[in-house]
């Protein structure tokens, strides 16, 4: 899948799990998640990329960290169409295009900008 705006980036995220270094790319995450929400996967990729730069614990001793997507990455048109319970075939295609567009914008920006 070639994303608009991705410019062929080959960003990877590294995590250490039980002393073992594991690296994965956006494409790896898409393979795991599936093609249904490339925009959501792109956001998750950038959130994880950003979280590798500081200690991130969810629910640790009653504290939580919340990362919020910056304005401009999720459009109002996307939100309206994604929230529709019933969509025409044309709307489904348009939503797919909006998802790919969002993924391209997210992946072409550095994590701290997302």
Protein backbone atom coordinates (compact mmCIF):
# COMPACT_ATOMS: atom_id res chain seq x y z
CA UNK A 1 0.00 0.00 0.00
CA UNK A 2 1.49 3.35 -1.05
CA UNK A 3 0.26 6.26 1.06
CA UNK A 4 -0.07 9.79 -0.24
CA UNK A 5 2.51 11.95 1.47
CA UNK A 6 4.52 9.07 2.93
CA UNK A 7 7.51 9.78 0.64
CA UNK A 8 8.69 6.20 0.97
CA UNK A 9 9.65 6.59 4.62
CA UNK A 10 10.88 3.44 6.31
CA UNK A 11 10.48 4.53 9.91
CA UNK A 12 10.68 1.80 12.51
CA UNK A 13 9.90 1.67 16.20
CA UNK A 14 12.12 -0.24 18.57
CA UNK A 15 10.93 -1.77 21.82
CA UNK A 16 12.72 -3.91 24.35
CA UNK A 17 10.67 -6.87 25.53
CA UNK A 18 12.27 -8.99 28.25
CA UNK A 19 15.72 -7.86 27.13
CA UNK A 20 15.06 -8.56 23.45
CA UNK A 21 15.18 -5.67 20.95
CA UNK A 22 12.21 -5.76 18.55
CA UNK A 23 11.81 -3.36 15.61
CA UNK A 24 8.66 -2.91 13.53
CA UNK A 25 7.48 -0.58 10.80
CA UNK A 26 4.18 1.04 9.89
CA UNK A 27 3.78 -1.65 7.22
CA UNK A 28 4.32 -4.34 9.88
CA UNK A 29 1.55 -2.78 11.97
CA UNK A 30 -0.79 -2.72 8.94
CA UNK A 31 -0.09 -6.41 8.34
CA UNK A 32 -1.01 -7.18 11.94
CA UNK A 33 -4.06 -4.90 12.13
CA UNK A 34 -5.40 -5.33 8.61
CA UNK A 35 -6.26 -2.73 5.96
CA UNK A 36 -9.53 -1.47 7.48
CA UNK A 37 -8.20 1.55 9.38
CA UNK A 38 -4.87 2.76 8.00
CA UNK A 39 -5.42 6.20 9.56
CA UNK A 40 -5.87 4.68 12.99
CA UNK A 41 -2.78 2.51 12.54
CA UNK A 42 -0.79 5.57 11.45
CA UNK A 43 -1.89 7.43 14.58
CA UNK A 44 -0.97 4.45 16.75
CA UNK A 45 2.44 4.25 15.07
CA UNK A 46 3.16 7.91 15.78
CA UNK A 47 1.85 7.66 19.36
CA UNK A 48 4.12 4.66 20.00
CA UNK A 49 7.03 6.46 18.38
CA UNK A 50 6.47 9.44 20.65
CA UNK A 51 5.96 7.26 23.78
CA UNK A 52 9.41 5.60 23.25
CA UNK A 53 10.97 9.06 24.20
CA UNK A 54 9.73 9.11 27.85
CA UNK A 55 8.53 6.70 30.54
CA UNK A 56 4.94 5.77 29.70
CA UNK A 57 2.85 3.86 32.22
CA UNK A 58 -0.92 3.45 31.98
CA UNK A 59 -2.70 3.04 35.30
CA UNK A 60 0.53 2.89 37.28
CA UNK A 61 -0.11 3.89 40.90
CA UNK A 62 -3.21 5.82 39.92
CA UNK A 63 -1.49 7.93 37.26
CA UNK A 64 -2.09 7.98 33.52
CA UNK A 65 -0.61 9.68 30.50
CA UNK A 66 -2.83 10.87 27.66
CA UNK A 67 -1.49 11.69 24.20
CA UNK A 68 -3.90 13.63 21.99
CA UNK A 69 -3.72 13.94 18.22
CA UNK A 70 -3.05 17.52 17.14
CA UNK A 71 -5.62 19.45 15.11
CA UNK A 72 -5.57 18.98 11.38
CA UNK A 73 -4.84 15.26 11.23
CA UNK A 74 -8.41 14.05 11.68
CA UNK A 75 -10.74 16.08 9.49
CA UNK A 76 -14.35 16.96 10.31
CA UNK A 77 -15.41 15.25 7.07
CA UNK A 78 -13.76 12.02 8.22
CA UNK A 79 -15.43 12.15 11.64
CA UNK A 80 -18.89 12.72 10.16
CA UNK A 81 -18.55 9.94 7.60
CA UNK A 82 -16.91 7.48 10.03
CA UNK A 83 -19.73 7.98 12.56
CA UNK A 84 -22.46 7.24 10.04
CA UNK A 85 -24.12 3.92 10.88
CA UNK A 86 -25.13 3.27 7.26
CA UNK A 87 -23.05 4.30 4.23
CA UNK A 88 -23.56 3.96 0.50
CA UNK A 89 -20.94 2.18 -1.61
CA UNK A 90 -19.70 5.59 -2.79
CA UNK A 91 -19.44 6.79 0.81
CA UNK A 92 -17.51 3.65 1.79
CA UNK A 93 -15.05 4.32 -1.04
CA UNK A 94 -14.72 7.96 -0.01
CA UNK A 95 -14.16 6.95 3.62
CA UNK A 96 -11.44 4.54 2.48
CA UNK A 97 -9.78 7.40 0.59
CA UNK A 98 -10.05 9.69 3.62
CA UNK A 99 -8.44 6.99 5.78
CA UNK A 100 -5.54 6.63 3.36
CA UNK A 101 -5.16 10.40 3.14
CA UNK A 102 -5.04 10.69 6.93
CA UNK A 103 -2.50 7.87 7.17
CA UNK A 104 -0.32 9.66 4.61
CA UNK A 105 -0.49 12.95 6.55
CA UNK A 106 0.34 11.23 9.84
CA UNK A 107 3.20 9.16 8.42
CA UNK A 108 4.74 12.17 6.64
CA UNK A 109 4.92 14.15 9.90
CA UNK A 110 7.32 13.61 12.78
CA UNK A 111 5.78 12.02 15.89
CA UNK A 112 6.03 15.20 17.96
CA UNK A 113 3.93 17.05 15.34
CA UNK A 114 1.14 14.46 15.48
